[in-house]
Each structure stands twice: as C-alpha cells, then as structure tokens.
Protein backbone atom coordinates (compact mmCIF):
# COMPACT_ATOMS: atom_id res chain seq x y z
CA MET A 1 85.82 129.82 91.27
CA PRO A 2 86.29 126.17 92.02
CA SER A 3 89.78 126.91 92.51
CA LEU A 4 88.56 129.37 95.15
CA LEU A 5 86.76 127.51 97.14
CA ALA A 6 89.22 123.99 96.62
CA ALA A 7 91.46 126.75 98.65
CA LEU A 8 89.32 127.75 100.91
CA ALA A 9 88.65 124.18 102.08
CA ALA A 10 92.45 123.35 102.05
CA VAL A 11 92.68 126.01 104.57
CA THR A 12 89.86 124.89 106.89
CA TYR A 13 91.27 121.49 106.82
CA LEU A 14 95.02 122.29 107.76
CA ALA A 15 93.24 124.36 110.36
CA ALA A 16 91.44 121.79 112.10
CA ALA A 17 95.02 119.94 111.74
CA VAL A 18 96.18 122.60 113.67
CA ARG A 19 93.36 122.50 116.43
CA ILE A 20 94.72 118.78 116.58
CA ALA A 21 98.04 118.63 116.56
CA HIS A 22 96.97 121.24 119.54
CA HIS A 23 96.12 118.67 121.50
CA LEU A 24 98.34 115.84 121.27
CA ALA A 25 100.56 118.03 122.74
CA HIS A 26 99.06 117.16 126.14
CA PRO A 27 98.13 113.55 126.99
CA PRO A 28 95.30 111.93 126.52
CA SER A 29 93.50 111.99 129.70
CA GLU A 30 93.45 115.72 129.72
CA ARG A 31 92.37 116.24 125.75
CA PRO A 32 88.60 117.13 125.36
CA ALA A 33 86.13 113.58 124.98
CA ARG A 34 84.63 115.84 121.24
CA ASP A 35 86.26 118.53 120.38
CA MET A 36 83.63 120.09 118.52
CA PHE A 37 85.46 123.03 117.09
CA ALA A 38 87.34 120.51 115.16
CA CYS A 39 84.22 118.52 113.86
CA VAL A 40 82.77 121.91 113.18
CA THR A 41 86.16 123.29 110.79
CA VAL A 42 86.35 119.90 109.32
CA CYS A 43 82.44 120.02 108.35
CA CYS A 44 82.93 123.33 106.73
CA GLY A 45 85.77 122.01 105.06
CA VAL A 46 83.50 119.67 103.82
CA VAL A 47 81.14 121.39 102.65
CA LEU A 48 83.70 123.96 100.55
CA HIS A 49 85.05 121.00 98.99
CA ALA A 50 81.58 119.29 97.73
CA ALA A 51 80.95 123.00 96.57
CA ALA A 52 84.42 122.78 94.55
CA ILE A 53 83.53 119.99 92.67
CA TRP A 54 80.35 120.37 92.37
CA PRO A 55 80.11 120.96 88.67
CA ALA A 56 81.77 117.86 88.17
CA LEU A 57 79.54 115.36 89.62
CA THR A 58 76.23 114.02 88.64
CA LEU A 59 74.06 112.11 90.91
CA TRP A 60 71.67 109.06 89.95
CA SER A 61 72.00 109.63 86.04
CA GLY A 62 74.70 110.72 83.35
CA PRO A 63 78.29 110.28 83.23
CA ILE A 64 80.43 108.71 86.23
CA PRO A 65 82.95 111.03 87.14
CA ASP A 66 86.34 110.84 85.48
CA LEU A 67 89.05 109.14 87.68
CA PRO A 68 90.50 112.78 89.30
CA THR A 69 87.29 113.60 90.28
CA THR A 70 87.23 110.44 91.88
CA ILE A 71 90.41 110.66 93.71
CA SER A 72 88.47 114.43 94.81
CA VAL A 73 85.61 112.90 96.03
CA ALA A 74 87.39 109.84 97.69
CA GLY A 75 89.17 112.65 99.89
CA LEU A 76 86.07 114.64 100.76
CA ALA A 77 84.45 111.14 101.79
CA ILE A 78 87.56 110.44 104.01
CA ALA A 79 87.58 114.02 106.02
CA ALA A 80 83.73 113.43 106.24
CA VAL A 81 84.00 110.43 107.89
CA PHE A 82 86.96 111.43 109.99
CA GLY A 83 84.65 114.30 110.80
CA ILE A 84 81.85 111.94 112.08
CA ALA A 85 84.41 109.87 114.09
CA LEU A 86 85.74 112.66 115.92
CA LEU A 87 82.33 112.22 117.90
CA TRP A 88 82.97 108.48 118.13
CA ARG A 89 86.46 109.44 120.21
CA ILE A 90 88.27 108.43 117.10
CA ASP A 91 92.14 108.92 118.26
CA HIS A 92 92.85 112.70 117.19
CA VAL A 93 96.80 111.43 116.04
CA VAL A 94 94.65 109.81 112.88
CA GLY A 95 93.49 113.76 112.19
CA THR A 96 97.18 114.52 111.88
CA LEU A 97 97.28 111.93 108.74
CA VAL A 98 93.79 112.36 106.94
CA LEU A 99 93.65 116.12 106.86
CA PRO A 100 96.61 117.13 105.01
CA LEU A 101 95.92 114.38 102.83
CA ALA A 102 92.29 115.84 102.43
CA ALA A 103 93.51 119.39 101.49
CA ILE A 104 95.41 118.25 98.38
CA ALA A 105 92.14 116.56 97.32
CA PRO A 106 90.10 119.18 95.81
CA PHE A 107 92.52 120.41 93.94
CA ALA A 108 93.13 116.74 91.98
CA PRO A 109 90.22 117.78 89.37
CA MET A 110 92.56 121.00 88.25
CA MET A 111 96.16 118.83 88.31
CA TRP A 112 94.46 116.60 85.24
CA THR A 113 91.70 115.79 83.31
CA GLY A 114 90.26 112.62 82.98
CA GLN A 115 87.90 110.83 80.84
CA ALA A 116 83.96 110.63 82.15
CA ILE A 117 82.38 107.12 81.93
CA PRO A 118 78.90 107.14 79.24
CA ALA A 119 75.94 105.72 80.65
CA GLY A 120 75.66 106.31 84.29
CA THR A 121 72.72 104.35 85.31
CA ALA A 122 70.91 104.88 88.76
CA SER A 123 72.37 101.36 90.12
CA ALA A 124 76.16 102.32 89.41
CA HIS A 125 75.95 105.44 90.60
CA LEU A 126 74.68 103.82 93.97
CA HIS A 127 77.49 101.41 93.60
CA ALA A 128 79.96 104.55 92.83
CA VAL A 129 78.74 105.96 96.43
CA ILE A 130 78.90 102.51 98.31
CA SER A 131 82.44 102.34 97.38
CA ILE A 132 83.93 105.68 98.01
CA LEU A 133 82.18 105.80 101.55
CA THR A 134 83.69 102.21 101.69
CA TYR A 135 87.07 103.26 100.75
CA ALA A 136 86.60 106.22 103.16
CA VAL A 137 86.13 103.79 106.34
CA LEU A 138 89.08 101.46 105.13
CA SER A 139 91.39 104.56 104.70
CA LEU A 140 90.93 105.34 108.36
CA ALA A 141 91.04 101.87 109.68
CA ALA A 142 94.51 101.52 107.27
CA LEU A 143 95.39 104.88 109.21
CA GLN A 144 94.39 102.99 113.05
CA ALA A 145 96.38 99.96 111.80
CA LEU A 146 99.71 101.84 111.49
CA ILE A 147 99.44 103.69 114.42
CA LEU A 148 98.58 100.97 116.18
CA ALA A 149 101.87 98.77 114.55
CA TYR A 150 104.09 102.21 116.21
CA GLN A 151 102.19 102.23 119.12
CA GLU A 152 103.44 97.92 120.09
CA ARG A 153 106.59 98.11 118.35
CA ARG A 154 107.64 101.11 120.80
CA ILE A 155 106.50 99.32 123.63
CA ARG A 156 107.76 96.04 122.58
CA THR A 157 111.05 97.71 121.97
CA LYS A 158 110.63 99.47 125.62
CA ARG A 159 110.60 103.10 123.84
CA PRO A 160 107.93 104.50 125.86
CA GLY A 161 108.78 108.42 124.90
CA GLY A 162 108.47 110.62 121.83
CA ALA A 163 104.99 110.48 120.27
CA LEU A 164 103.82 107.21 122.29
CA ARG A 165 103.00 109.73 125.30
CA THR A 166 100.38 111.19 122.71
CA LEU A 167 98.55 108.34 121.98
CA ALA A 168 95.25 106.43 123.59
CA ALA A 169 95.78 103.09 125.50
CA LEU A 170 96.81 99.94 123.42
CA ASP A 171 93.63 98.09 123.68
CA THR A 172 91.40 101.40 123.04
CA GLN A 173 93.15 101.58 119.68
CA GLU A 174 92.71 98.01 119.14
CA ARG A 175 88.89 98.73 119.47
CA TRP A 176 88.66 101.23 117.13
CA LEU A 177 90.20 99.53 114.27
CA PHE A 178 88.31 96.64 114.77
CA ARG A 179 84.94 98.95 114.58
CA LEU A 180 86.57 100.63 111.48
CA VAL A 181 86.86 97.37 109.82
CA GLY A 182 83.86 95.75 111.06
CA ILE A 183 81.63 99.16 109.52
CA GLY A 184 83.67 99.09 106.40
CA PHE A 185 83.41 94.96 105.62
CA PHE A 186 79.61 95.68 105.95
CA LEU A 187 80.01 98.39 103.40
CA LEU A 188 82.28 96.49 101.36
CA SER A 189 79.70 93.71 100.96
CA LEU A 190 76.53 96.23 99.82
CA SER A 191 79.54 97.44 97.68
CA LEU A 192 80.18 94.21 95.96
CA ALA A 193 76.34 93.41 96.42
CA SER A 194 75.66 96.80 94.45
CA GLY A 195 78.33 96.39 91.82
CA PHE A 196 76.42 92.90 90.17
CA MET A 197 73.43 94.98 89.84
CA PHE A 198 74.91 96.99 86.78
CA VAL A 199 77.25 94.29 85.31
CA GLN A 200 76.07 92.57 81.99
CA ASP A 201 79.93 90.98 80.81
CA MET A 202 82.49 90.91 82.82
CA LEU A 203 84.87 91.22 80.49
CA ALA A 204 83.19 93.02 78.02
CA GLN A 205 82.94 96.06 80.65
CA HIS A 206 86.15 95.64 81.85
CA LEU A 207 85.58 94.75 85.02
CA ALA A 208 87.17 91.43 85.46
CA HIS A 209 90.13 92.31 87.59
CA LYS A 210 88.00 95.30 89.76
CA THR A 211 86.07 92.42 90.79
CA VAL A 212 88.18 89.39 91.43
CA LEU A 213 90.61 91.91 93.66
CA SER A 214 87.63 93.77 95.49
CA CYS A 215 86.45 89.75 96.52
CA ILE A 216 90.08 89.28 97.52
CA ALA A 217 89.74 92.62 99.68
CA TRP A 218 86.75 91.08 100.79
CA THR A 219 87.59 87.98 101.62
CA THR A 220 90.83 89.22 103.99
CA PHE A 221 88.98 91.69 106.02
CA GLY A 222 86.54 89.08 106.64
CA ALA A 223 89.23 86.77 107.61
CA LEU A 224 90.38 89.36 109.99
CA LEU A 225 87.15 89.77 111.69
CA TRP A 226 86.46 86.01 112.14
CA GLY A 227 90.23 85.76 113.11
CA ARG A 228 89.73 88.30 115.81
CA TRP A 229 86.07 86.82 117.02
CA ARG A 230 87.81 82.70 116.68
CA TYR A 231 91.28 83.50 117.75
CA GLY A 232 91.23 86.73 119.25
CA TRP A 233 93.62 88.33 116.85
CA ARG A 234 95.66 90.96 117.74
CA GLY A 235 98.77 93.36 117.05
CA GLN A 236 100.30 92.73 114.14
CA THR A 237 98.76 89.89 112.63
CA ALA A 238 95.51 92.31 112.99
CA VAL A 239 97.94 94.72 111.55
CA ARG A 240 98.96 92.93 108.42
CA TRP A 241 95.57 91.39 107.48
CA CYS A 242 93.90 95.23 107.48
CA LEU A 243 97.06 96.82 105.17
CA GLY A 244 97.33 93.80 103.14
CA GLY A 245 93.39 93.93 102.38
CA PHE A 246 93.79 97.68 102.52
CA ALA A 247 95.81 97.41 99.54
CA VAL A 248 94.26 95.22 97.37
CA LEU A 249 91.42 97.55 97.43
CA VAL A 250 93.40 100.44 96.22
CA LEU A 251 94.26 98.44 93.25
CA ALA A 252 90.76 97.18 92.94
CA TYR A 253 89.63 101.22 93.41
CA PHE A 254 91.68 102.90 91.64
CA GLY A 255 94.93 101.08 90.56
CA SER A 256 92.70 99.44 87.96
CA ARG A 257 91.29 102.32 86.49
CA TRP A 258 94.88 103.93 86.13
CA ILE A 259 95.91 101.51 84.42
CA LEU A 260 93.10 101.32 82.08
CA GLU A 261 92.41 104.71 81.59
CA VAL A 262 95.79 106.65 81.93
CA LEU A 263 98.02 103.49 80.97
CA LEU A 264 95.83 101.68 78.23
CA ASP A 265 93.74 104.69 77.31
CA ARG A 266 90.97 102.05 77.69
CA ARG A 267 87.46 102.95 79.43
CA TRP A 268 85.41 100.71 82.03
CA TYR A 269 81.96 101.94 81.62
CA SER A 270 78.52 100.55 83.55
CA ALA A 271 76.11 99.59 80.98
C-alpha cells in the first residue's frame, strides 16, 4: 500500500509540473496570477505523499525517523511550501525544479533503511518539525537564487532570448528571494532555539558539528538580510550569500547525519 501511494504521489507531482510547464510557454503577463488547478494538484500530491510515509512517522513521542524517512519528509515539506507559495505568486519556474525532485522523495524510505533515533522527546520532535520547515523554505530560496543568477547573467551578457522570456522581472525575482530568505531566517532562529531545549551534552550526543554548522548558516542568512537592508545587496552578491548559507545548512541537516549514521555507523540522540 505505501508503494502504491508513493507512486500516486509521484504521478500527481509530475502532473502539476506539466501543468506549470504549460504556463511557461506563455509570457509572464499572460499567465494566471493564481493557478488553482496546480495548487490543488500539488496539495493532492502532498496528501498522498504523507499517507505513503505515515507509518514511519511518530509525532511528539517515540523514535525520531531514520535518515531516508527524514529526506522524504523534507521533500514533502518542500512540495507543501511550494503549493502555498503558488498562492503567493512565486515564479512558476521554481515548480519545474521542485516538483520532479518531490516526485522522487516518497520512494526514499523504500530505497534503503536507516536507523531510527530512540528516546525522542516532545521538544526533540518539535525541533525536527521546525527544522524541516526551515529547510523547505530555504530550499525554495536557493532555487530562486539560481533562477535569479541565470536571469541576471543572461541580461548582463545581452542574451535576452531562450528561457529568459519565461521569467518574471528581475526586481520581482529579487523580492521573492528575500521574502523566502526572511521567512527561512525566522524559522532557522526558532529551530536553533528549540534545539537547545533538548541538548544536554553536545559532544556526547554528537551534536557539536550540527550545531556549529547551523549557527554558521544562521549567521550567513542574517548577514545577507542585514546587507540587503544596510547596503542594498542584490544580484550576484545576494545569490552567493544565499547559496553559501544553504550549502552549509544541507551539511548541518543531512550531511552530518549521513556521515554519522552511514559512514561511521553512529547515531546522534535526543536525550
């Protein structure tokens, strides 16, 4: 049953991606401000995706899910946040990048089995939920930064054709980027605050590397927002800071767990 639900979720995500790609054939001015069909389709995919991995999830008590399930939940959260962002009029191009990746995520727990983390407390689960939401929002910000980098490069080199014609105006792209970074920075601050609620011995719990990397990512995104407010950072400067912070965040959230659980066969634990 989970495999069938995962397949249906993948098909639904891809159907939404095709719908969005269809709109990209038209100039931005001719696209609908809100595509409710795409929103509803993405939401259906999220529900099916959640149902597929629900047996592996425990909320507020019990073990924290293993790494493959966590990756799948991250894909679920990214798709859900993108579905909401569609109502927010985010650029449809992001969907052509997000949804095909989200279509793979439901199958992650079926590809390999990891080790669940025992003794998960309510505060640890709250931290995990906030962290996944943070990663989802900042993933969209990173994709938005890549689109912005492509757009600016094409404009700077005076090559206006091709995919550039499908993108919204540069100022609009930057506005979306900094909105996502702002929300992600707020969630990352909550994630760090909630993480300290269950940390007892950072070294014994193998959380030093994760904490340090998360703090570096928080500092990077904070510096980006401060530079935008104080010096008007934009363009390639904003892209570099955003992608740099996101790379550190990936190492903190998934790289550290992969090294510990897969390479070193150890576990970090919550209490």
